Amino acid sequence: MFSWFRKQPSPQRQTAERLYTGVVVRSRNPFFYERFGVPDTVDGRFDMILLHSFCVINALNKQGQGGRELAQALYDVMFVDMDRSVREMGVGDLSVGKHVRRMMKAFSGRMQAYQDGIDKASLDDALTRNLYGTVMGTVDPTHLAIMGDYLRNQVAALNTMNPDRLMQGDIEWAPVPGAGIKQRAPIVEPQKADQAVA
């Protein structure tokens, strides 16, 4: 009845929501869990979102002040969604803030770990501790190699795509041979982005 009083999200917020939807859609592809050994659990899906968010934020941060502002908006959208997801899992109101802060800290740590891994030409440690951190026993070295190459390819693809398109919320992921994953993120209406949960 009073929907016309609701404040419409800013263009930047809409772009951030579009980017986040692209991250979530990519992260949900079953191939990662069925073929690359990523745990098909809440933790595993959460880590896939963080990994792809790292790729996008890393690229945005190279686009000057506007890119850094959009990266912050993407971060904000992501953790609003994480807050909602935690609540939907039944976490009490008094504990939600603590859980979300823990997620924020986890993301900060992964951002640094993945950047360090790329710079040092070895992502095995970062992926073992984070993406495969809940795997019991030894992580399959083939999975580490595949996901290491995958992460590097995504970073390279996003860093070299048309920056104007990226700033408009269009993501061009690098293809994964045989994975059946589309190279371009699907276009989703911004208002639907808040429905994309891990």
N, C-alpha and C. Protein backbone atom coordinates (compact mmCIF):
# COMPACT_ATOMS: atom_id res chain seq x y z
N MET A 1 0.82 -1.20 0.00
CA MET A 1 0.00 0.00 0.00
C MET A 1 0.86 1.26 0.00
N PHE A 2 1.93 1.26 0.79
CA PHE A 2 2.78 2.43 0.89
C PHE A 2 4.10 2.24 0.15
N SER A 3 4.11 1.35 -0.86
CA SER A 3 5.36 1.02 -1.55
C SER A 3 5.98 2.23 -2.23
N TRP A 4 5.12 3.25 -2.59
CA TRP A 4 5.69 4.40 -3.28
C TRP A 4 6.55 5.28 -2.37
N PHE A 5 6.47 5.03 -1.06
CA PHE A 5 7.29 5.79 -0.12
C PHE A 5 8.67 5.17 0.08
N ARG A 6 8.85 3.95 -0.40
CA ARG A 6 10.13 3.28 -0.19
C ARG A 6 11.22 3.93 -1.03
N LYS A 7 12.34 4.12 -0.41
CA LYS A 7 13.47 4.75 -1.10
C LYS A 7 14.08 3.77 -2.08
N GLN A 8 14.23 4.21 -3.32
CA GLN A 8 14.83 3.37 -4.35
C GLN A 8 16.34 3.31 -4.14
N PRO A 9 16.93 2.14 -4.35
CA PRO A 9 18.39 2.05 -4.19
C PRO A 9 19.09 2.94 -5.20
N SER A 10 20.24 3.47 -4.80
CA SER A 10 21.02 4.32 -5.69
C SER A 10 21.54 3.51 -6.87
N PRO A 11 21.90 4.19 -7.98
CA PRO A 11 22.48 3.46 -9.11
C PRO A 11 23.70 2.62 -8.70
N GLN A 12 24.53 3.17 -7.81
CA GLN A 12 25.70 2.41 -7.36
C GLN A 12 25.27 1.15 -6.62
N ARG A 13 24.27 1.27 -5.76
CA ARG A 13 23.76 0.11 -5.02
C ARG A 13 23.19 -0.93 -5.98
N GLN A 14 22.47 -0.49 -6.99
CA GLN A 14 21.91 -1.42 -7.98
C GLN A 14 23.02 -2.15 -8.72
N THR A 15 24.09 -1.42 -9.06
CA THR A 15 25.22 -2.06 -9.74
C THR A 15 25.89 -3.07 -8.82
N ALA A 16 26.05 -2.72 -7.56
CA ALA A 16 26.65 -3.64 -6.59
C ALA A 16 25.80 -4.88 -6.42
N GLU A 17 24.49 -4.71 -6.42
CA GLU A 17 23.59 -5.86 -6.30
C GLU A 17 23.69 -6.76 -7.52
N ARG A 18 23.85 -6.14 -8.68
CA ARG A 18 24.01 -6.93 -9.90
C ARG A 18 25.32 -7.72 -9.86
N LEU A 19 26.38 -7.08 -9.42
CA LEU A 19 27.66 -7.78 -9.29
C LEU A 19 27.54 -8.94 -8.30
N TYR A 20 26.89 -8.68 -7.17
CA TYR A 20 26.77 -9.72 -6.16
C TYR A 20 25.95 -10.90 -6.68
N THR A 21 24.89 -10.61 -7.43
CA THR A 21 24.10 -11.69 -8.01
C THR A 21 24.96 -12.53 -8.95
N GLY A 22 25.81 -11.87 -9.75
CA GLY A 22 26.71 -12.60 -10.63
C GLY A 22 27.68 -13.48 -9.86
N VAL A 23 28.16 -12.99 -8.73
CA VAL A 23 29.06 -13.76 -7.87
C VAL A 23 28.34 -14.99 -7.32
N VAL A 24 27.13 -14.80 -6.83
CA VAL A 24 26.39 -15.91 -6.21
C VAL A 24 26.02 -16.97 -7.24
N VAL A 25 25.54 -16.52 -8.40
CA VAL A 25 25.17 -17.48 -9.45
C VAL A 25 26.37 -18.32 -9.86
N ARG A 26 27.50 -17.68 -10.03
CA ARG A 26 28.72 -18.40 -10.40
C ARG A 26 29.12 -19.39 -9.31
N SER A 27 29.04 -18.93 -8.06
CA SER A 27 29.50 -19.74 -6.93
C SER A 27 28.62 -20.96 -6.70
N ARG A 28 27.38 -20.91 -7.13
CA ARG A 28 26.45 -22.01 -6.91
C ARG A 28 26.58 -23.13 -7.94
N ASN A 29 27.39 -22.93 -8.98
CA ASN A 29 27.46 -23.96 -10.01
C ASN A 29 27.90 -25.30 -9.41
N PRO A 30 27.11 -26.35 -9.63
CA PRO A 30 27.41 -27.66 -9.01
C PRO A 30 28.77 -28.23 -9.39
N PHE A 31 29.33 -27.78 -10.50
CA PHE A 31 30.60 -28.34 -10.95
C PHE A 31 31.69 -28.20 -9.91
N PHE A 32 31.72 -27.08 -9.19
CA PHE A 32 32.75 -26.87 -8.17
C PHE A 32 32.69 -27.94 -7.09
N TYR A 33 31.49 -28.34 -6.74
CA TYR A 33 31.30 -29.28 -5.65
C TYR A 33 31.40 -30.73 -6.11
N GLU A 34 30.95 -30.98 -7.34
CA GLU A 34 30.94 -32.35 -7.85
C GLU A 34 32.28 -32.76 -8.46
N ARG A 35 33.02 -31.80 -9.01
CA ARG A 35 34.24 -32.15 -9.73
C ARG A 35 35.52 -31.60 -9.11
N PHE A 36 35.41 -30.49 -8.39
CA PHE A 36 36.60 -29.86 -7.83
C PHE A 36 36.75 -30.11 -6.34
N GLY A 37 35.86 -30.89 -5.75
CA GLY A 37 36.01 -31.28 -4.35
C GLY A 37 35.70 -30.21 -3.33
N VAL A 38 35.08 -29.09 -3.74
CA VAL A 38 34.70 -28.09 -2.75
C VAL A 38 33.56 -28.66 -1.90
N PRO A 39 33.64 -28.58 -0.58
CA PRO A 39 32.59 -29.15 0.27
C PRO A 39 31.23 -28.53 -0.04
N ASP A 40 30.24 -29.37 -0.32
CA ASP A 40 28.89 -28.88 -0.62
C ASP A 40 28.15 -28.69 0.70
N THR A 41 28.59 -27.69 1.44
CA THR A 41 28.06 -27.39 2.76
C THR A 41 27.86 -25.87 2.86
N VAL A 42 27.28 -25.42 3.95
CA VAL A 42 27.13 -23.98 4.17
C VAL A 42 28.50 -23.32 4.12
N ASP A 43 29.50 -23.92 4.79
CA ASP A 43 30.85 -23.34 4.79
C ASP A 43 31.46 -23.33 3.39
N GLY A 44 31.27 -24.42 2.65
CA GLY A 44 31.83 -24.49 1.31
C GLY A 44 31.21 -23.47 0.38
N ARG A 45 29.90 -23.32 0.44
CA ARG A 45 29.22 -22.35 -0.42
C ARG A 45 29.62 -20.92 -0.02
N PHE A 46 29.75 -20.69 1.28
CA PHE A 46 30.19 -19.39 1.76
C PHE A 46 31.58 -19.07 1.21
N ASP A 47 32.47 -20.05 1.25
CA ASP A 47 33.83 -19.81 0.76
C ASP A 47 33.88 -19.59 -0.74
N MET A 48 32.99 -20.24 -1.48
CA MET A 48 32.96 -20.00 -2.92
C MET A 48 32.52 -18.57 -3.22
N ILE A 49 31.57 -18.05 -2.44
CA ILE A 49 31.15 -16.66 -2.61
C ILE A 49 32.32 -15.71 -2.29
N LEU A 50 33.04 -16.01 -1.22
CA LEU A 50 34.17 -15.16 -0.86
C LEU A 50 35.25 -15.20 -1.92
N LEU A 51 35.51 -16.37 -2.48
CA LEU A 51 36.55 -16.49 -3.51
C LEU A 51 36.19 -15.65 -4.74
N HIS A 52 34.95 -15.75 -5.20
CA HIS A 52 34.56 -14.99 -6.39
C HIS A 52 34.43 -13.49 -6.08
N SER A 53 34.02 -13.17 -4.86
CA SER A 53 33.97 -11.76 -4.47
C SER A 53 35.37 -11.16 -4.46
N PHE A 54 36.33 -11.94 -4.00
CA PHE A 54 37.72 -11.47 -4.02
C PHE A 54 38.13 -11.08 -5.44
N CYS A 55 37.80 -11.92 -6.42
CA CYS A 55 38.17 -11.65 -7.81
C CYS A 55 37.58 -10.33 -8.29
N VAL A 56 36.29 -10.10 -7.98
CA VAL A 56 35.62 -8.89 -8.45
C VAL A 56 36.14 -7.65 -7.72
N ILE A 57 36.26 -7.74 -6.41
CA ILE A 57 36.73 -6.59 -5.63
C ILE A 57 38.18 -6.26 -6.00
N ASN A 58 38.98 -7.27 -6.24
CA ASN A 58 40.37 -7.05 -6.65
C ASN A 58 40.42 -6.24 -7.94
N ALA A 59 39.52 -6.57 -8.89
CA ALA A 59 39.49 -5.84 -10.16
C ALA A 59 38.94 -4.43 -9.98
N LEU A 60 37.90 -4.29 -9.18
CA LEU A 60 37.31 -2.97 -8.96
C LEU A 60 38.30 -2.01 -8.30
N ASN A 61 39.08 -2.52 -7.38
CA ASN A 61 40.03 -1.67 -6.66
C ASN A 61 41.10 -1.07 -7.57
N LYS A 62 41.21 -1.59 -8.76
CA LYS A 62 42.19 -1.06 -9.72
C LYS A 62 41.59 0.03 -10.61
N GLN A 63 40.30 0.36 -10.38
CA GLN A 63 39.60 1.32 -11.24
C GLN A 63 39.44 2.69 -10.59
N GLY A 64 40.41 3.09 -9.81
CA GLY A 64 40.37 4.42 -9.23
C GLY A 64 39.35 4.56 -8.12
N GLN A 65 39.03 5.81 -7.77
CA GLN A 65 38.13 6.07 -6.66
C GLN A 65 36.73 5.48 -6.88
N GLY A 66 36.22 5.61 -8.11
CA GLY A 66 34.90 5.06 -8.41
C GLY A 66 34.87 3.56 -8.24
N GLY A 67 35.93 2.89 -8.65
CA GLY A 67 36.01 1.44 -8.50
C GLY A 67 36.08 1.02 -7.05
N ARG A 68 36.85 1.77 -6.27
CA ARG A 68 36.95 1.45 -4.85
C ARG A 68 35.62 1.66 -4.14
N GLU A 69 34.89 2.69 -4.54
CA GLU A 69 33.58 2.93 -3.94
C GLU A 69 32.60 1.82 -4.30
N LEU A 70 32.65 1.36 -5.55
CA LEU A 70 31.78 0.27 -5.97
C LEU A 70 32.17 -1.03 -5.26
N ALA A 71 33.47 -1.24 -5.06
CA ALA A 71 33.93 -2.41 -4.32
C ALA A 71 33.38 -2.39 -2.90
N GLN A 72 33.37 -1.23 -2.26
CA GLN A 72 32.81 -1.10 -0.92
C GLN A 72 31.31 -1.37 -0.93
N ALA A 73 30.63 -0.88 -1.97
CA ALA A 73 29.19 -1.12 -2.08
C ALA A 73 28.90 -2.61 -2.26
N LEU A 74 29.72 -3.30 -3.04
CA LEU A 74 29.58 -4.74 -3.20
C LEU A 74 29.79 -5.45 -1.88
N TYR A 75 30.80 -5.06 -1.15
CA TYR A 75 31.07 -5.62 0.18
C TYR A 75 29.86 -5.42 1.09
N ASP A 76 29.28 -4.23 1.06
CA ASP A 76 28.12 -3.94 1.91
C ASP A 76 26.93 -4.81 1.53
N VAL A 77 26.67 -4.94 0.23
CA VAL A 77 25.55 -5.78 -0.24
C VAL A 77 25.76 -7.22 0.19
N MET A 78 26.99 -7.71 0.05
CA MET A 78 27.29 -9.08 0.41
C MET A 78 26.99 -9.35 1.88
N PHE A 79 27.39 -8.44 2.75
CA PHE A 79 27.21 -8.72 4.18
C PHE A 79 25.81 -8.39 4.68
N VAL A 80 25.06 -7.59 3.96
CA VAL A 80 23.62 -7.48 4.25
C VAL A 80 22.97 -8.83 3.97
N ASP A 81 23.37 -9.45 2.85
CA ASP A 81 22.83 -10.77 2.51
C ASP A 81 23.28 -11.82 3.52
N MET A 82 24.53 -11.75 3.96
CA MET A 82 25.01 -12.69 4.95
C MET A 82 24.23 -12.54 6.27
N ASP A 83 23.96 -11.32 6.65
CA ASP A 83 23.17 -11.06 7.86
C ASP A 83 21.80 -11.73 7.74
N ARG A 84 21.15 -11.55 6.59
CA ARG A 84 19.84 -12.15 6.39
C ARG A 84 19.92 -13.67 6.39
N SER A 85 20.97 -14.21 5.77
CA SER A 85 21.12 -15.66 5.72
C SER A 85 21.31 -16.25 7.12
N VAL A 86 22.10 -15.57 7.94
CA VAL A 86 22.33 -16.04 9.31
C VAL A 86 21.01 -16.06 10.09
N ARG A 87 20.21 -15.02 9.91
CA ARG A 87 18.92 -14.96 10.59
C ARG A 87 18.01 -16.09 10.12
N GLU A 88 18.03 -16.38 8.82
CA GLU A 88 17.18 -17.43 8.28
C GLU A 88 17.60 -18.81 8.78
N MET A 89 18.87 -18.94 9.17
CA MET A 89 19.34 -20.22 9.72
C MET A 89 18.96 -20.38 11.19
N GLY A 90 18.28 -19.37 11.74
CA GLY A 90 17.77 -19.50 13.10
C GLY A 90 18.66 -18.93 14.18
N VAL A 91 19.70 -18.19 13.80
CA VAL A 91 20.56 -17.58 14.81
C VAL A 91 19.79 -16.45 15.49
N GLY A 92 19.83 -16.41 16.80
CA GLY A 92 19.12 -15.39 17.56
C GLY A 92 19.64 -14.00 17.30
N ASP A 93 18.76 -13.00 17.45
CA ASP A 93 19.12 -11.62 17.15
C ASP A 93 20.38 -11.16 17.88
N LEU A 94 20.53 -11.59 19.13
CA LEU A 94 21.67 -11.13 19.92
C LEU A 94 23.00 -11.69 19.43
N SER A 95 22.94 -12.77 18.66
CA SER A 95 24.17 -13.41 18.18
C SER A 95 24.48 -13.11 16.72
N VAL A 96 23.52 -12.51 16.01
CA VAL A 96 23.72 -12.26 14.57
C VAL A 96 24.94 -11.39 14.32
N GLY A 97 25.05 -10.29 15.07
CA GLY A 97 26.17 -9.38 14.87
C GLY A 97 27.51 -10.07 15.03
N LYS A 98 27.60 -10.94 16.02
CA LYS A 98 28.85 -11.66 16.26
C LYS A 98 29.19 -12.58 15.08
N HIS A 99 28.17 -13.27 14.57
CA HIS A 99 28.38 -14.17 13.43
C HIS A 99 28.81 -13.38 12.19
N VAL A 100 28.16 -12.26 11.94
CA VAL A 100 28.49 -11.48 10.75
C VAL A 100 29.88 -10.88 10.86
N ARG A 101 30.24 -10.41 12.04
CA ARG A 101 31.60 -9.88 12.23
C ARG A 101 32.64 -10.97 11.99
N ARG A 102 32.32 -12.18 12.40
CA ARG A 102 33.24 -13.29 12.16
C ARG A 102 33.39 -13.55 10.66
N MET A 103 32.27 -13.44 9.93
CA MET A 103 32.32 -13.60 8.48
C MET A 103 33.14 -12.51 7.82
N MET A 104 32.97 -11.29 8.31
CA MET A 104 33.76 -10.17 7.77
C MET A 104 35.25 -10.38 7.98
N LYS A 105 35.59 -10.86 9.17
CA LYS A 105 36.99 -11.13 9.46
C LYS A 105 37.52 -12.24 8.56
N ALA A 106 36.67 -13.26 8.34
CA ALA A 106 37.07 -14.36 7.46
C ALA A 106 37.33 -13.85 6.04
N PHE A 107 36.47 -12.96 5.56
CA PHE A 107 36.66 -12.43 4.22
C PHE A 107 37.94 -11.61 4.12
N SER A 108 38.19 -10.79 5.11
CA SER A 108 39.42 -9.99 5.12
C SER A 108 40.65 -10.88 5.07
N GLY A 109 40.63 -11.95 5.86
CA GLY A 109 41.76 -12.88 5.87
C GLY A 109 41.94 -13.58 4.54
N ARG A 110 40.84 -13.95 3.90
CA ARG A 110 40.93 -14.63 2.61
C ARG A 110 41.40 -13.68 1.52
N MET A 111 40.94 -12.44 1.56
CA MET A 111 41.42 -11.45 0.59
C MET A 111 42.94 -11.38 0.62
N GLN A 112 43.49 -11.30 1.82
CA GLN A 112 44.94 -11.19 1.96
C GLN A 112 45.62 -12.49 1.56
N ALA A 113 45.05 -13.62 1.98
CA ALA A 113 45.66 -14.92 1.67
C ALA A 113 45.69 -15.19 0.17
N TYR A 114 44.58 -14.88 -0.52
CA TYR A 114 44.54 -15.13 -1.96
C TYR A 114 45.47 -14.18 -2.71
N GLN A 115 45.53 -12.93 -2.26
CA GLN A 115 46.44 -11.99 -2.91
C GLN A 115 47.89 -12.41 -2.70
N ASP A 116 48.22 -12.81 -1.48
CA ASP A 116 49.58 -13.27 -1.20
C ASP A 116 49.90 -14.50 -2.03
N GLY A 117 48.94 -15.42 -2.15
CA GLY A 117 49.16 -16.64 -2.91
C GLY A 117 49.42 -16.37 -4.38
N ILE A 118 48.67 -15.45 -4.94
CA ILE A 118 48.86 -15.08 -6.33
C ILE A 118 50.22 -14.42 -6.52
N ASP A 119 50.58 -13.54 -5.62
CA ASP A 119 51.87 -12.85 -5.72
C ASP A 119 53.04 -13.80 -5.59
N LYS A 120 52.87 -14.85 -4.77
CA LYS A 120 53.96 -15.79 -4.51
C LYS A 120 53.91 -17.02 -5.42
N ALA A 121 53.00 -17.00 -6.36
CA ALA A 121 52.87 -18.10 -7.34
C ALA A 121 52.48 -19.43 -6.71
N SER A 122 51.90 -19.41 -5.52
CA SER A 122 51.42 -20.65 -4.90
C SER A 122 50.18 -20.35 -4.08
N LEU A 123 49.06 -20.98 -4.48
CA LEU A 123 47.80 -20.79 -3.78
C LEU A 123 47.41 -22.00 -2.93
N ASP A 124 48.25 -23.03 -2.93
CA ASP A 124 47.90 -24.27 -2.24
C ASP A 124 47.58 -24.03 -0.77
N ASP A 125 48.44 -23.29 -0.06
CA ASP A 125 48.21 -23.07 1.37
C ASP A 125 46.92 -22.30 1.62
N ALA A 126 46.71 -21.24 0.84
CA ALA A 126 45.51 -20.42 1.02
C ALA A 126 44.25 -21.22 0.75
N LEU A 127 44.25 -22.02 -0.30
CA LEU A 127 43.07 -22.83 -0.63
C LEU A 127 42.85 -23.95 0.39
N THR A 128 43.95 -24.55 0.87
CA THR A 128 43.83 -25.62 1.85
C THR A 128 43.22 -25.10 3.15
N ARG A 129 43.66 -23.93 3.59
CA ARG A 129 43.16 -23.37 4.85
C ARG A 129 41.74 -22.84 4.74
N ASN A 130 41.35 -22.38 3.56
CA ASN A 130 40.08 -21.68 3.44
C ASN A 130 39.04 -22.46 2.65
N LEU A 131 39.20 -22.54 1.34
CA LEU A 131 38.20 -23.21 0.51
C LEU A 131 38.01 -24.67 0.91
N TYR A 132 39.12 -25.34 1.25
CA TYR A 132 39.05 -26.76 1.64
C TYR A 132 39.28 -26.93 3.15
N GLY A 133 39.05 -25.89 3.91
CA GLY A 133 39.37 -25.92 5.33
C GLY A 133 38.56 -26.91 6.15
N THR A 134 37.38 -27.32 5.65
CA THR A 134 36.55 -28.27 6.41
C THR A 134 36.66 -29.70 5.88
N VAL A 135 37.55 -29.92 4.91
CA VAL A 135 37.74 -31.26 4.36
C VAL A 135 38.49 -32.12 5.38
N MET A 136 37.98 -33.30 5.64
CA MET A 136 38.64 -34.22 6.56
C MET A 136 39.79 -34.91 5.84
N GLY A 137 40.95 -34.95 6.47
CA GLY A 137 42.10 -35.61 5.87
C GLY A 137 42.83 -34.71 4.89
N THR A 138 43.61 -35.33 4.02
CA THR A 138 44.44 -34.59 3.06
C THR A 138 43.61 -34.12 1.88
N VAL A 139 43.81 -32.89 1.49
CA VAL A 139 43.11 -32.35 0.33
C VAL A 139 43.76 -32.89 -0.94
N ASP A 140 42.94 -33.31 -1.88
CA ASP A 140 43.43 -33.84 -3.15
C ASP A 140 44.27 -32.77 -3.85
N PRO A 141 45.56 -33.05 -4.11
CA PRO A 141 46.42 -32.05 -4.77
C PRO A 141 45.94 -31.66 -6.16
N THR A 142 45.20 -32.56 -6.82
CA THR A 142 44.65 -32.22 -8.13
C THR A 142 43.61 -31.11 -8.00
N HIS A 143 42.78 -31.22 -6.96
CA HIS A 143 41.78 -30.18 -6.73
C HIS A 143 42.45 -28.84 -6.42
N LEU A 144 43.51 -28.87 -5.64
CA LEU A 144 44.24 -27.64 -5.33
C LEU A 144 44.80 -27.01 -6.60
N ALA A 145 45.38 -27.83 -7.47
CA ALA A 145 45.97 -27.33 -8.71
C ALA A 145 44.89 -26.73 -9.61
N ILE A 146 43.76 -27.43 -9.72
CA ILE A 146 42.67 -26.96 -10.58
C ILE A 146 42.12 -25.63 -10.06
N MET A 147 41.85 -25.57 -8.76
CA MET A 147 41.26 -24.36 -8.21
C MET A 147 42.27 -23.21 -8.16
N GLY A 148 43.54 -23.54 -8.01
CA GLY A 148 44.57 -22.49 -8.07
C GLY A 148 44.61 -21.86 -9.45
N ASP A 149 44.61 -22.70 -10.48
CA ASP A 149 44.59 -22.19 -11.86
C ASP A 149 43.30 -21.43 -12.12
N TYR A 150 42.20 -21.97 -11.61
CA TYR A 150 40.91 -21.32 -11.81
C TYR A 150 40.91 -19.91 -11.22
N LEU A 151 41.40 -19.77 -10.00
CA LEU A 151 41.42 -18.46 -9.35
C LEU A 151 42.30 -17.49 -10.11
N ARG A 152 43.46 -17.94 -10.53
CA ARG A 152 44.35 -17.06 -11.30
C ARG A 152 43.69 -16.61 -12.60
N ASN A 153 43.01 -17.54 -13.26
CA ASN A 153 42.35 -17.21 -14.53
C ASN A 153 41.25 -16.18 -14.33
N GLN A 154 40.50 -16.31 -13.23
CA GLN A 154 39.43 -15.34 -12.98
C GLN A 154 40.00 -13.95 -12.70
N VAL A 155 41.04 -13.90 -11.89
CA VAL A 155 41.67 -12.61 -11.58
C VAL A 155 42.18 -11.96 -12.86
N ALA A 156 42.84 -12.74 -13.71
CA ALA A 156 43.38 -12.20 -14.97
C ALA A 156 42.26 -11.72 -15.88
N ALA A 157 41.18 -12.52 -15.97
CA ALA A 157 40.07 -12.17 -16.87
C ALA A 157 39.40 -10.87 -16.43
N LEU A 158 39.15 -10.73 -15.13
CA LEU A 158 38.47 -9.54 -14.64
C LEU A 158 39.38 -8.31 -14.68
N ASN A 159 40.66 -8.52 -14.52
CA ASN A 159 41.60 -7.39 -14.58
C ASN A 159 41.80 -6.88 -16.00
N THR A 160 41.46 -7.70 -16.99
CA THR A 160 41.69 -7.29 -18.38
C THR A 160 40.40 -7.05 -19.15
N MET A 161 39.24 -7.28 -18.54
CA MET A 161 37.99 -7.01 -19.25
C MET A 161 37.76 -5.51 -19.37
N ASN A 162 36.84 -5.12 -20.21
CA ASN A 162 36.51 -3.71 -20.40
C ASN A 162 36.10 -3.10 -19.06
N PRO A 163 36.87 -2.14 -18.53
CA PRO A 163 36.56 -1.61 -17.21
C PRO A 163 35.21 -0.91 -17.13
N ASP A 164 34.76 -0.32 -18.25
CA ASP A 164 33.46 0.33 -18.24
C ASP A 164 32.34 -0.68 -18.00
N ARG A 165 32.47 -1.83 -18.60
CA ARG A 165 31.45 -2.87 -18.42
C ARG A 165 31.46 -3.39 -16.99
N LEU A 166 32.65 -3.55 -16.44
CA LEU A 166 32.74 -4.00 -15.05
C LEU A 166 32.08 -2.98 -14.13
N MET A 167 32.33 -1.71 -14.37
CA MET A 167 31.76 -0.66 -13.54
C MET A 167 30.24 -0.54 -13.71
N GLN A 168 29.72 -1.16 -14.76
CA GLN A 168 28.28 -1.20 -14.96
C GLN A 168 27.65 -2.46 -14.38
N GLY A 169 28.48 -3.32 -13.79
CA GLY A 169 27.96 -4.53 -13.15
C GLY A 169 28.01 -5.77 -14.00
N ASP A 170 28.72 -5.71 -15.11
CA ASP A 170 28.82 -6.87 -16.01
C ASP A 170 30.09 -7.64 -15.68
N ILE A 171 29.96 -8.93 -15.42
CA ILE A 171 31.13 -9.75 -15.08
C ILE A 171 31.41 -10.73 -16.20
N GLU A 172 32.63 -10.77 -16.68
CA GLU A 172 33.05 -11.76 -17.66
C GLU A 172 34.01 -12.73 -16.99
N TRP A 173 33.46 -13.84 -16.54
CA TRP A 173 34.31 -14.86 -15.91
C TRP A 173 35.10 -15.60 -16.98
N ALA A 174 36.28 -16.02 -16.63
CA ALA A 174 37.06 -16.88 -17.53
C ALA A 174 36.38 -18.24 -17.59
N PRO A 175 36.34 -18.86 -18.76
CA PRO A 175 35.68 -20.17 -18.87
C PRO A 175 36.46 -21.26 -18.17
N VAL A 176 35.74 -22.28 -17.78
CA VAL A 176 36.37 -23.47 -17.19
C VAL A 176 36.16 -24.61 -18.18
N PRO A 177 37.22 -25.13 -18.79
CA PRO A 177 37.07 -26.17 -19.79
C PRO A 177 36.25 -27.35 -19.28
N GLY A 178 35.19 -27.68 -20.00
CA GLY A 178 34.39 -28.85 -19.66
C GLY A 178 33.46 -28.67 -18.49
N ALA A 179 33.43 -27.47 -17.92
CA ALA A 179 32.62 -27.30 -16.71
C ALA A 179 31.19 -26.89 -17.01
N GLY A 180 30.92 -26.46 -18.21
CA GLY A 180 29.58 -26.03 -18.54
C GLY A 180 29.20 -24.73 -17.86
N ILE A 181 30.19 -23.90 -17.51
CA ILE A 181 29.93 -22.63 -16.84
C ILE A 181 30.01 -21.52 -17.87
N LYS A 182 28.95 -20.75 -17.98
CA LYS A 182 28.93 -19.66 -18.94
C LYS A 182 29.99 -18.62 -18.58
N GLN A 183 30.54 -18.01 -19.63
CA GLN A 183 31.60 -17.04 -19.40
C GLN A 183 31.05 -15.73 -18.85
N ARG A 184 29.85 -15.35 -19.28
CA ARG A 184 29.29 -14.07 -18.87
C ARG A 184 28.22 -14.28 -17.82
N ALA A 185 28.27 -13.49 -16.77
CA ALA A 185 27.26 -13.60 -15.72
C ALA A 185 25.90 -13.22 -16.30
N PRO A 186 24.85 -13.93 -15.91
CA PRO A 186 23.52 -13.59 -16.41
C PRO A 186 23.08 -12.23 -15.90
N ILE A 187 22.29 -11.55 -16.71
CA ILE A 187 21.76 -10.26 -16.29
C ILE A 187 20.53 -10.50 -15.43
N VAL A 188 20.55 -10.01 -14.22
CA VAL A 188 19.45 -10.17 -13.28
C VAL A 188 19.02 -8.80 -12.83
N GLU A 189 17.71 -8.59 -12.73
CA GLU A 189 17.22 -7.31 -12.26
C GLU A 189 17.77 -7.01 -10.87
N PRO A 190 18.26 -5.78 -10.63
CA PRO A 190 18.89 -5.45 -9.34
C PRO A 190 18.02 -5.76 -8.14
N GLN A 191 16.68 -5.54 -8.23
CA GLN A 191 15.85 -5.76 -7.07
C GLN A 191 15.77 -7.23 -6.68
N LYS A 192 16.19 -8.12 -7.58
CA LYS A 192 16.16 -9.54 -7.28
C LYS A 192 17.45 -10.01 -6.61
N ALA A 193 18.45 -9.15 -6.56
CA ALA A 193 19.75 -9.55 -6.03
C ALA A 193 19.66 -9.92 -4.57
N ASP A 194 18.74 -9.30 -3.83
CA ASP A 194 18.66 -9.61 -2.40
C ASP A 194 18.06 -10.98 -2.15
N GLN A 195 17.63 -11.67 -3.21
CA GLN A 195 17.12 -13.02 -3.06
C GLN A 195 18.21 -14.06 -3.24
N ALA A 196 19.40 -13.62 -3.63
CA ALA A 196 20.50 -14.55 -3.87
C ALA A 196 21.21 -14.84 -2.56
N VAL A 197 21.01 -16.02 -2.04
CA VAL A 197 21.63 -16.38 -0.77
C VAL A 197 22.56 -17.55 -0.97
N ALA A 198 23.50 -17.70 -0.05
CA ALA A 198 24.46 -18.79 -0.15
C ALA A 198 23.77 -20.10 0.16
